[in-house]
Amino acid sequence: MLGLEGIAVPLGFILTIASTIMCIVYGILNWNKGYVSDEEICLEQKWKIEEEKVQETL
């Protein structure tokens, strides 16, 4: 059958196609999810304010 002898080569093709489909589905499901939460933004703002205070005292 098309030179695909044994089980390893067809299994490799099947797993490659399956992993590609799973990666596409994962990408579609997580397309616009935010990477930074509101809590992280607040902490970053506090950090920036503290950093400015330290820079002023130097």
Protein backbone atom coordinates (compact mmCIF):
# COMPACT_ATOMS: atom_id res chain seq x y z
CA MET A 1 0.00 0.00 0.00
CA LEU A 2 1.87 3.07 -1.31
CA GLY A 3 5.16 1.74 0.02
CA LEU A 4 4.07 2.07 3.64
CA GLU A 5 5.35 -1.18 5.02
CA GLY A 6 4.89 -2.06 8.65
CA ILE A 7 2.95 -0.10 11.22
CA ALA A 8 5.47 2.62 12.14
CA VAL A 9 5.26 4.76 9.00
CA PRO A 10 1.43 4.92 8.75
CA LEU A 11 1.27 5.52 12.51
CA GLY A 12 3.75 8.39 12.11
CA PHE A 13 1.61 9.96 9.40
CA ILE A 14 -1.57 9.57 11.45
CA LEU A 15 0.02 11.04 14.59
CA THR A 16 1.45 13.97 12.63
CA ILE A 17 -1.94 14.84 11.17
CA ALA A 18 -3.67 14.35 14.55
CA SER A 19 -1.19 16.61 16.35
CA THR A 20 -1.59 19.27 13.67
CA ILE A 21 -5.36 19.22 14.07
CA MET A 22 -5.06 19.39 17.88
CA CYS A 23 -2.70 22.37 17.63
CA ILE A 24 -5.11 24.21 15.32
CA VAL A 25 -8.04 23.55 17.67
CA TYR A 26 -6.01 24.69 20.68
CA GLY A 27 -5.00 27.88 18.85
CA ILE A 28 -8.59 28.66 17.88
CA LEU A 29 -9.85 28.11 21.44
CA ASN A 30 -7.13 30.29 23.00
CA TRP A 31 -6.91 32.95 20.27
CA ASN A 32 -7.94 36.07 22.20
CA LYS A 33 -7.33 35.07 25.80
CA GLY A 34 -5.52 37.69 27.80
CA TYR A 35 -2.04 37.00 29.01
CA VAL A 36 -2.13 39.53 31.85
CA SER A 37 -4.80 39.57 34.53
CA ASP A 38 -6.14 42.71 36.22
CA GLU A 39 -4.29 41.78 39.40
CA GLU A 40 -0.99 41.64 37.54
CA ILE A 41 -1.67 45.06 36.00
CA CYS A 42 -2.33 46.55 39.46
CA LEU A 43 0.85 45.01 40.84
CA GLU A 44 2.84 46.37 37.91
CA GLN A 45 1.44 49.88 38.46
CA LYS A 46 2.34 49.72 42.15
CA TRP A 47 5.82 48.53 41.22
CA LYS A 48 6.21 51.43 38.80
CA ILE A 49 5.15 53.97 41.46
CA GLU A 50 7.63 52.49 43.96
CA GLU A 51 10.36 52.54 41.36
CA GLU A 52 9.73 56.21 40.60
CA LYS A 53 9.92 57.02 44.31
CA VAL A 54 13.25 55.22 44.59
CA GLN A 55 14.60 57.02 41.52
CA GLU A 56 13.61 60.39 43.01
CA THR A 57 15.46 59.66 46.24
CA LEU A 58 18.68 58.76 44.44
